[in-house]
């Protein structure tokens, strides 16, 4: 599309020092003000698309409706002459959906990143972020220093979300923390907190303070909507420096504990390149909307930009179990399993001609002697096809099906060498909560 450059001399009224100039673009409009000398002329250049040149001949009328905050700009060319005006300044609560014009192409962005995006997100959550100090009691009651970390107030009654390793220490979940837990708010107030629940496996804990005045809270979002590359910020008190905000992106949405060399049951983390340091543990990982999407718990030593957080969706399920059971109940089968894909199945088939002809499933890599799975009759190299009547393709699906059910029999359909199939009955037991 060709453009015409039209130069216009706009005279300034002597009783005004501002000249309103309306600039029309292909898919947007703007209102700008230019200061001028009352005794002189101001020269303004307008870049005007040819199809809209005629529309400039129509007198422009600025009505009160033009100053209503637009939620979405129209992409209908027939409505371009009546587009609302907007300011380039981001408001404290910016609109979720914005259209931006680039040449002749108009693209939709569900989260527009502006000059205030990080500041707005931090302002929403920051007042609810607290500094936590836990006194460590050594042998014979001798003070052995203190652990420092962070937390987030998630309920106005003083409920605080943080990490378990900060408040539990070496005493185990059953004893919780034997040291004094001090919480300092951003306004300087200090409270002594009580540890309500903690789960070492997920490294999530809930503590509580009592305040006579209302407390600021942060909103929990959803981690399932995150994608690699999404902007996030980390808030906390690294090295006891309160009110610290760092920014980065989501590097991975499902980093497995096995990738990090962590033994134990299956876990997944959000990986981020936000600066995470000692003292950030327990603090929130926040999206651009100012919602908690994770709890920062660790970083890779001797490496920059490798931080890890527990996804908020997993945290929500843990808190539900805290309320329902007083603890997190995890069924234990005594199996080590591996998710199968097409390449792995082909390799196993090439190495062992008796490997079953399957397209999907979960491979049994180890059976713990004396475990519920051992008593049920599971064998090495079994492939789990169905669990409790539902087809499965991953360990995650099996964990989801079991939920927190223990002591109840479940039917498992497995396929073995030479395509033999069998249905086993397994009764999950509760795993050791200190694992």
Protein backbone atom coordinates (compact mmCIF):
# COMPACT_ATOMS: atom_id res chain seq x y z
CA UNK A 1 0.00 0.00 0.00
CA UNK A 2 1.39 3.35 -0.97
CA UNK A 3 1.37 6.28 1.43
CA UNK A 4 1.10 10.01 0.83
CA UNK A 5 2.97 12.45 2.98
CA UNK A 6 0.77 15.44 3.57
CA UNK A 7 2.23 18.45 5.29
CA UNK A 8 -0.12 20.78 7.10
CA UNK A 9 0.41 24.08 8.81
CA UNK A 10 -1.69 24.27 11.93
CA UNK A 11 -2.05 27.66 13.50
CA UNK A 12 -2.19 27.87 17.25
CA UNK A 13 -4.81 29.96 18.99
CA UNK A 14 -3.20 32.60 21.12
CA UNK A 15 -5.12 31.50 24.19
CA UNK A 16 -3.84 27.91 23.99
CA UNK A 17 -0.36 26.47 24.31
CA UNK A 18 -1.32 22.94 23.22
CA UNK A 19 -2.28 21.74 19.75
CA UNK A 20 -4.21 18.43 19.52
CA UNK A 21 -2.98 16.37 16.59
CA UNK A 22 -4.83 13.25 15.47
CA UNK A 23 -2.70 10.61 13.69
CA UNK A 24 -4.51 7.94 11.73
CA UNK A 25 -2.81 4.57 11.05
CA UNK A 26 -3.93 1.43 9.30
CA UNK A 27 -5.25 -0.28 12.43
CA UNK A 28 -5.18 2.29 15.21
CA UNK A 29 -5.35 5.91 16.21
CA UNK A 30 -3.64 8.15 18.73
CA UNK A 31 -3.97 11.52 20.34
CA UNK A 32 -0.80 13.54 20.80
CA UNK A 33 -0.18 17.07 22.05
CA UNK A 34 2.62 19.31 20.88
CA UNK A 35 3.58 22.52 22.62
CA UNK A 36 3.79 25.56 20.40
CA UNK A 37 4.66 29.20 20.61
CA UNK A 38 1.41 31.28 20.64
CA UNK A 39 2.97 33.74 18.18
CA UNK A 40 4.22 31.16 15.71
CA UNK A 41 3.09 28.24 13.56
CA UNK A 42 3.80 24.56 14.19
CA UNK A 43 4.59 22.31 11.24
CA UNK A 44 3.28 18.75 11.56
CA UNK A 45 3.82 15.86 9.11
CA UNK A 46 1.13 13.20 8.84
CA UNK A 47 1.70 9.79 7.23
CA UNK A 48 -1.68 8.93 5.72
CA UNK A 49 -2.78 5.69 3.92
CA UNK A 50 -4.26 6.51 0.52
CA UNK A 51 -7.65 4.81 1.17
CA UNK A 52 -8.19 6.97 4.24
CA UNK A 53 -7.09 10.28 2.73
CA UNK A 54 -10.68 11.16 1.94
CA UNK A 55 -11.79 10.53 5.51
CA UNK A 56 -9.69 13.49 6.65
CA UNK A 57 -12.02 15.80 4.78
CA UNK A 58 -14.80 14.90 7.24
CA UNK A 59 -14.80 17.16 10.33
CA UNK A 60 -13.49 15.24 13.33
CA UNK A 61 -15.80 15.22 16.31
CA UNK A 62 -14.38 14.20 19.70
CA UNK A 63 -17.23 12.93 21.85
CA UNK A 64 -17.14 11.76 25.43
CA UNK A 65 -17.34 8.15 24.25
CA UNK A 66 -13.89 8.43 22.68
CA UNK A 67 -12.29 8.56 26.11
CA UNK A 68 -13.78 5.31 27.41
CA UNK A 69 -10.94 2.78 27.94
CA UNK A 70 -10.98 0.44 24.93
CA UNK A 71 -10.76 -3.27 25.64
CA UNK A 72 -10.19 -4.26 22.03
CA UNK A 73 -9.54 -2.24 18.87
CA UNK A 74 -11.73 -3.03 15.88
CA UNK A 75 -10.14 -4.72 12.89
CA UNK A 76 -13.07 -3.90 10.62
CA UNK A 77 -11.82 -1.35 8.00
CA UNK A 78 -15.32 0.14 7.85
CA UNK A 79 -14.98 1.21 11.48
CA UNK A 80 -11.49 2.70 11.30
CA UNK A 81 -12.83 6.25 11.16
CA UNK A 82 -14.46 5.78 14.57
CA UNK A 83 -11.59 4.14 16.46
CA UNK A 84 -11.30 5.14 20.13
CA UNK A 85 -8.31 7.20 21.21
CA UNK A 86 -5.86 5.74 23.69
CA UNK A 87 -2.93 6.79 25.80
CA UNK A 88 0.54 5.31 25.49
CA UNK A 89 0.81 5.10 29.29
CA UNK A 90 0.03 1.70 30.81
CA UNK A 91 -2.64 1.93 33.48
CA UNK A 92 -2.26 0.24 36.92
CA UNK A 93 -4.56 -2.51 35.63
CA UNK A 94 -3.70 -2.84 31.93
CA UNK A 95 -6.16 -4.47 29.52
CA UNK A 96 -5.69 -8.18 28.91
CA UNK A 97 -6.20 -8.11 25.15
CA UNK A 98 -4.61 -5.53 22.86
CA UNK A 99 -4.18 -5.34 19.10
CA UNK A 100 -0.96 -3.85 17.79
CA UNK A 101 -0.41 -2.71 14.20
CA UNK A 102 2.73 -3.46 12.26
CA UNK A 103 2.56 -2.28 8.65
CA UNK A 104 -0.47 -3.90 7.07
CA UNK A 105 -0.52 -6.88 9.48
CA UNK A 106 -2.59 -6.81 12.66
CA UNK A 107 -1.76 -9.47 15.23
CA UNK A 108 -3.48 -10.37 18.49
CA UNK A 109 -1.48 -10.67 21.69
CA UNK A 110 -3.06 -12.12 24.82
CA UNK A 111 -0.50 -10.42 27.07
CA UNK A 112 0.91 -7.13 25.92
CA UNK A 113 4.25 -6.38 27.58
CA UNK A 114 4.48 -2.68 28.33
CA UNK A 115 6.75 -0.43 30.33
CA UNK A 116 4.79 -1.10 33.54
CA UNK A 117 4.08 -4.83 33.11
CA UNK A 118 6.67 -6.09 35.58
CA UNK A 119 6.03 -3.23 38.00
CA UNK A 120 2.26 -3.84 37.96
CA UNK A 121 2.72 -7.57 38.61
CA UNK A 122 5.16 -6.91 41.46
CA UNK A 123 2.83 -4.29 42.97
CA UNK A 124 -0.04 -6.78 43.08
CA UNK A 125 1.93 -9.48 44.90
CA UNK A 126 4.73 -7.61 46.65
CA UNK A 127 2.85 -6.47 49.79
CA UNK A 128 1.97 -10.12 50.56
CA UNK A 129 5.57 -11.38 50.34
CA UNK A 130 7.17 -11.91 53.76
CA UNK A 131 10.62 -12.61 55.19
CA UNK A 132 10.87 -15.78 57.31
CA UNK A 133 13.56 -16.48 59.89
CA UNK A 134 13.70 -19.85 61.66
CA UNK A 135 15.95 -20.27 64.69
CA UNK A 136 17.89 -23.52 64.64
CA UNK A 137 18.23 -25.41 67.92
CA UNK A 138 21.34 -27.56 68.24
CA UNK A 139 22.27 -30.24 70.77
CA UNK A 140 21.41 -29.41 74.40
CA UNK A 141 19.21 -26.53 73.22
CA UNK A 142 22.12 -24.45 72.00
CA UNK A 143 21.25 -21.82 69.39
CA UNK A 144 22.75 -22.95 66.07
CA UNK A 145 21.90 -19.87 64.01
CA UNK A 146 18.86 -19.43 61.81
CA UNK A 147 17.52 -20.26 58.38
CA UNK A 148 16.29 -17.41 56.19
CA UNK A 149 13.65 -17.63 53.49
CA UNK A 150 10.49 -16.14 52.04
CA UNK A 151 6.78 -16.78 51.93
CA UNK A 152 3.50 -15.40 50.58
CA UNK A 153 0.30 -14.53 52.46
CA UNK A 154 -2.48 -16.32 50.59
CA UNK A 155 -5.35 -15.73 53.01
CA UNK A 156 -6.36 -12.68 55.00
CA UNK A 157 -6.47 -14.82 58.16
CA UNK A 158 -2.65 -14.97 58.07
CA UNK A 159 -2.10 -18.24 56.17
CA UNK A 160 1.34 -18.18 54.54
CA UNK A 161 2.64 -20.43 51.77
CA UNK A 162 6.35 -21.30 51.95
CA UNK A 163 8.76 -24.24 51.55
CA UNK A 164 9.09 -27.17 53.94
CA UNK A 165 12.90 -27.31 54.17
CA UNK A 166 12.86 -23.82 55.66
CA UNK A 167 10.51 -24.55 58.57
CA UNK A 168 11.03 -28.28 59.12
CA UNK A 169 14.80 -28.61 58.99
CA UNK A 170 16.23 -31.89 60.24
CA UNK A 171 13.43 -32.65 62.71
CA UNK A 172 11.15 -34.35 60.21
CA UNK A 173 7.54 -33.67 59.36
CA UNK A 174 6.03 -35.22 62.45
CA UNK A 175 7.89 -32.93 64.80
CA UNK A 176 7.75 -29.96 62.43
CA UNK A 177 10.05 -27.14 63.49
CA UNK A 178 11.39 -26.96 67.02
CA UNK A 179 12.78 -23.49 66.43
CA UNK A 180 11.00 -20.15 66.61
CA UNK A 181 9.55 -19.02 63.28
CA UNK A 182 9.58 -15.22 62.88
CA UNK A 183 7.73 -13.53 60.01
CA UNK A 184 8.44 -9.95 58.95
CA UNK A 185 5.98 -8.13 56.68
CA UNK A 186 7.02 -5.54 54.13
CA UNK A 187 5.66 -2.79 56.37
CA UNK A 188 8.08 -3.84 59.10
CA UNK A 189 5.66 -5.65 61.42
CA UNK A 190 6.97 -8.88 62.96
CA UNK A 191 4.96 -11.92 64.05
CA UNK A 192 5.72 -15.34 65.45
CA UNK A 193 4.25 -18.02 63.19
CA UNK A 194 2.97 -21.51 63.84
CA UNK A 195 3.77 -24.29 61.38
CA UNK A 196 0.47 -25.93 60.46
CA UNK A 197 1.50 -28.47 57.81
CA UNK A 198 4.59 -29.47 55.87
CA UNK A 199 5.36 -32.00 53.17
CA UNK A 200 9.04 -32.77 52.62
CA UNK A 201 8.46 -34.68 49.42
CA UNK A 202 7.03 -31.67 47.59
CA UNK A 203 8.87 -29.18 49.83
CA UNK A 204 5.67 -27.25 50.54
CA UNK A 205 4.59 -25.93 53.95
CA UNK A 206 1.80 -23.81 55.43
CA UNK A 207 2.44 -21.52 58.39
CA UNK A 208 0.11 -19.02 60.08
CA UNK A 209 0.33 -15.70 61.87
CA UNK A 210 -2.34 -13.81 63.79
CA UNK A 211 -2.89 -10.13 63.08
CA UNK A 212 -5.45 -7.72 64.51
CA UNK A 213 -5.45 -5.72 61.26
CA UNK A 214 -6.19 -6.86 57.69
CA UNK A 215 -3.29 -8.46 55.87
CA UNK A 216 -2.42 -8.10 52.17
CA UNK A 217 -2.87 -11.28 50.14
CA UNK A 218 -1.72 -12.63 46.77
CA UNK A 219 -3.86 -14.50 44.25
CA UNK A 220 -2.97 -17.99 43.06
CA UNK A 221 -3.10 -18.51 39.29
CA UNK A 222 -2.68 -21.60 37.13
CA UNK A 223 0.58 -23.24 36.12
CA UNK A 224 -1.04 -25.46 33.48
CA UNK A 225 -1.36 -22.46 31.15
CA UNK A 226 2.36 -21.66 31.20
CA UNK A 227 4.54 -22.17 28.13
CA UNK A 228 8.32 -22.05 27.70
CA UNK A 229 9.21 -18.43 27.04
CA UNK A 230 6.44 -16.89 29.17
CA UNK A 231 7.59 -13.92 31.27
CA UNK A 232 7.67 -14.39 35.04
CA UNK A 233 9.09 -12.58 38.07
CA UNK A 234 10.46 -13.97 41.33
CA UNK A 235 9.84 -12.13 44.59
CA UNK A 236 11.46 -12.78 47.93
CA UNK A 237 14.20 -11.90 50.38
CA UNK A 238 17.49 -13.27 48.98
CA UNK A 239 20.32 -12.90 51.48
CA UNK A 240 17.75 -11.20 53.77
CA UNK A 241 17.29 -8.35 51.27
CA UNK A 242 13.55 -7.75 51.48
CA UNK A 243 11.40 -6.46 48.63
CA UNK A 244 13.65 -7.99 45.95
CA UNK A 245 12.19 -8.58 42.48
CA UNK A 246 13.94 -10.40 39.63
CA UNK A 247 12.60 -11.13 36.15
CA UNK A 248 13.02 -13.89 33.60
CA UNK A 249 11.14 -16.45 31.56
CA UNK A 250 9.84 -19.98 31.97
CA UNK A 251 12.59 -22.22 30.64
CA UNK A 252 10.73 -25.53 31.03
CA UNK A 253 7.25 -26.32 32.32
CA UNK A 254 7.80 -29.97 33.31
CA UNK A 255 11.38 -30.48 34.44
CA UNK A 256 11.43 -33.95 36.01
CA UNK A 257 13.15 -34.64 39.31
CA UNK A 258 15.12 -37.42 37.61
CA UNK A 259 16.64 -34.78 35.27
CA UNK A 260 18.02 -33.06 38.37
CA UNK A 261 19.43 -36.23 39.89
CA UNK A 262 16.87 -36.26 42.72
CA UNK A 263 16.01 -39.71 44.01
CA UNK A 264 12.58 -40.66 45.28
CA UNK A 265 9.13 -40.48 43.81
CA UNK A 266 8.15 -38.73 40.61
CA UNK A 267 8.10 -34.91 40.76
CA UNK A 268 7.99 -32.10 38.21
CA UNK A 269 9.17 -28.49 38.47
CA UNK A 270 8.94 -25.22 36.64
CA UNK A 271 12.39 -24.16 35.45
CA UNK A 272 13.11 -20.44 35.21
CA UNK A 273 16.07 -18.17 34.55
CA UNK A 274 14.99 -15.61 37.16
CA UNK A 275 17.81 -14.84 39.60
CA UNK A 276 17.25 -17.19 42.57
CA UNK A 277 19.55 -17.04 45.60
CA UNK A 278 19.60 -18.27 49.21
CA UNK A 279 16.64 -16.61 50.91
CA UNK A 280 14.38 -16.82 47.84
CA UNK A 281 13.23 -20.27 49.00
CA UNK A 282 9.50 -20.25 49.65
CA UNK A 283 8.90 -17.03 47.72
CA UNK A 284 6.45 -16.77 44.83
CA UNK A 285 7.04 -17.10 41.12
CA UNK A 286 4.55 -14.72 39.50
CA UNK A 287 3.16 -14.26 35.99
CA UNK A 288 2.61 -10.92 34.25
CA UNK A 289 -0.98 -10.85 35.55
CA UNK A 290 0.32 -10.72 39.12
CA UNK A 291 -0.75 -14.29 39.97
CA UNK A 292 1.32 -16.91 41.78
CA UNK A 293 2.25 -19.72 39.38
CA UNK A 294 4.91 -21.44 41.47
CA UNK A 295 6.86 -21.57 44.74
CA UNK A 296 10.61 -21.10 44.35
CA UNK A 297 12.51 -23.81 46.22
CA UNK A 298 15.98 -24.31 44.73
CA UNK A 299 18.62 -23.41 42.17
CA UNK A 300 21.48 -25.24 40.52
CA UNK A 301 24.73 -24.63 42.36
CA UNK A 302 27.60 -23.07 40.40
CA UNK A 303 25.18 -22.10 37.63
CA UNK A 304 23.25 -18.96 36.74
CA UNK A 305 19.72 -18.90 35.38
CA UNK A 306 18.77 -22.39 36.58
CA UNK A 307 16.07 -22.00 39.22
CA UNK A 308 13.23 -24.37 40.02
CA UNK A 309 9.75 -23.91 41.46
CA UNK A 310 6.89 -26.18 42.47
CA UNK A 311 3.95 -25.53 40.08
CA UNK A 312 1.02 -23.84 41.81
CA UNK A 313 -1.42 -26.45 40.47
CA UNK A 314 0.51 -29.12 42.40
CA UNK A 315 0.62 -26.84 45.45
CA UNK A 316 -3.17 -26.42 45.34
CA UNK A 317 -3.66 -30.20 45.43
CA UNK A 318 -1.25 -30.46 48.37
CA UNK A 319 -3.16 -27.80 50.30
CA UNK A 320 -6.41 -29.65 49.62
CA UNK A 321 -4.92 -32.77 51.19
CA UNK A 322 -3.67 -30.71 54.15
CA UNK A 323 -7.28 -29.66 54.78
CA UNK A 324 -8.78 -33.09 54.15
CA UNK A 325 -6.23 -35.43 55.74
CA UNK A 326 -3.98 -33.17 57.79
CA UNK A 327 -1.10 -34.41 55.64
CA UNK A 328 -0.33 -35.47 52.07
CA UNK A 329 -1.26 -39.11 51.51
CA UNK A 330 0.72 -40.76 48.71
CA UNK A 331 -0.04 -44.32 47.62
CA UNK A 332 3.01 -46.56 47.29
CA UNK A 333 3.22 -49.59 44.98
CA UNK A 334 6.92 -50.42 45.09
CA UNK A 335 7.43 -50.05 41.35
CA UNK A 336 9.96 -48.14 39.31
CA UNK A 337 8.41 -47.42 35.92
CA UNK A 338 9.38 -45.80 32.63
CA UNK A 339 7.15 -44.07 30.07
CA UNK A 340 7.39 -45.78 26.67
CA UNK A 341 7.46 -44.06 23.29
CA UNK A 342 7.75 -45.42 19.75
CA UNK A 343 11.54 -45.27 19.65
CA UNK A 344 11.98 -47.05 22.99
CA UNK A 345 9.52 -49.76 22.00
CA UNK A 346 11.41 -50.34 18.73
CA UNK A 347 14.75 -50.59 20.56
CA UNK A 348 13.36 -53.02 23.17
CA UNK A 349 11.83 -55.13 20.41
CA UNK A 350 15.15 -55.19 18.55
CA UNK A 351 17.04 -56.37 21.63
CA UNK A 352 14.43 -58.94 22.69
CA UNK A 353 12.17 -60.54 20.11
CA UNK A 354 9.82 -61.70 22.89
CA UNK A 355 9.00 -58.14 23.94
CA UNK A 356 5.23 -57.65 23.54
CA UNK A 357 3.76 -56.05 20.44
CA UNK A 358 2.41 -52.87 21.98
CA UNK A 359 2.14 -49.25 20.80
CA UNK A 360 1.99 -47.54 24.19
CA UNK A 361 2.14 -48.23 27.91
CA UNK A 362 4.34 -47.93 31.00
CA UNK A 363 7.31 -50.29 31.45
CA UNK A 364 8.05 -51.85 34.84
CA UNK A 365 11.79 -51.34 35.36
CA UNK A 366 12.05 -52.54 38.98
CA UNK A 367 9.88 -54.29 41.58
CA UNK A 368 10.73 -53.73 45.24
CA UNK A 369 10.80 -57.06 47.15
CA UNK A 370 8.00 -57.34 49.70
CA UNK A 371 6.15 -54.32 48.27
CA UNK A 372 2.45 -54.23 47.33
CA UNK A 373 3.44 -54.66 43.66
CA UNK A 374 5.60 -57.69 44.49
CA UNK A 375 2.75 -59.30 46.42
CA UNK A 376 0.39 -58.55 43.52
CA UNK A 377 2.62 -60.46 41.08
CA UNK A 378 4.26 -57.70 39.02
CA UNK A 379 7.35 -58.79 37.08
CA UNK A 380 10.30 -57.00 35.57
CA UNK A 381 9.58 -55.80 31.98
CA UNK A 382 5.81 -55.96 32.41
CA UNK A 383 4.04 -53.24 30.42
CA UNK A 384 1.08 -51.60 32.17
CA UNK A 385 -1.70 -50.99 29.62
CA UNK A 386 -4.65 -50.21 31.91
CA UNK A 387 -4.81 -49.06 35.53
CA UNK A 388 -8.03 -49.27 37.52
CA UNK A 389 -9.95 -49.74 34.26
CA UNK A 390 -8.42 -46.72 32.49
CA UNK A 391 -5.86 -46.88 29.64
CA UNK A 392 -2.53 -45.30 30.59
CA UNK A 393 0.50 -44.05 28.68
CA UNK A 394 2.53 -42.35 31.43
CA UNK A 395 3.46 -42.51 35.10
CA UNK A 396 1.73 -39.18 35.60
CA UNK A 397 -1.58 -40.75 34.55
CA UNK A 398 -1.13 -43.62 37.02
CA UNK A 399 -0.37 -41.19 39.86
CA UNK A 400 -3.45 -39.15 38.97
CA UNK A 401 -5.68 -42.25 38.93
CA UNK A 402 -4.45 -43.40 42.35
CA UNK A 403 -4.86 -39.94 43.91
CA UNK A 404 -4.69 -40.41 47.68
CA UNK A 405 -6.40 -43.81 47.75
CA UNK A 406 -4.68 -46.41 49.92
CA UNK A 407 -5.82 -49.77 51.23
CA UNK A 408 -8.22 -50.27 48.33
CA UNK A 409 -7.66 -52.94 45.64
CA UNK A 410 -7.07 -51.79 42.07
CA UNK A 411 -7.10 -53.87 38.88
CA UNK A 412 -4.07 -53.51 36.60
CA UNK A 413 -3.93 -54.98 33.09
CA UNK A 414 -0.37 -55.78 31.96
CA UNK A 415 1.19 -57.33 28.84
CA UNK A 416 4.25 -59.56 29.14
CA UNK A 417 6.78 -61.32 26.94
CA UNK A 418 5.38 -63.24 23.98
CA UNK A 419 2.22 -61.10 24.24
CA UNK A 420 0.93 -62.83 27.35
CA UNK A 421 -1.61 -60.68 29.17
CA UNK A 422 -2.73 -60.82 32.79
CA UNK A 423 -4.87 -58.77 35.17
CA UNK A 424 -3.28 -58.15 38.57
CA UNK A 425 -4.85 -56.82 41.77
CA UNK A 426 -2.69 -54.43 43.79
CA UNK A 427 -3.49 -52.72 47.10
CA UNK A 428 -1.48 -49.47 47.46
CA UNK A 429 0.01 -48.58 50.84
CA UNK A 430 0.73 -45.12 52.17
CA UNK A 431 4.29 -43.99 51.50
CA UNK A 432 6.52 -42.83 54.30
CA UNK A 433 5.73 -39.10 54.71
CA UNK A 434 9.38 -38.38 55.61
CA UNK A 435 10.60 -39.67 52.22
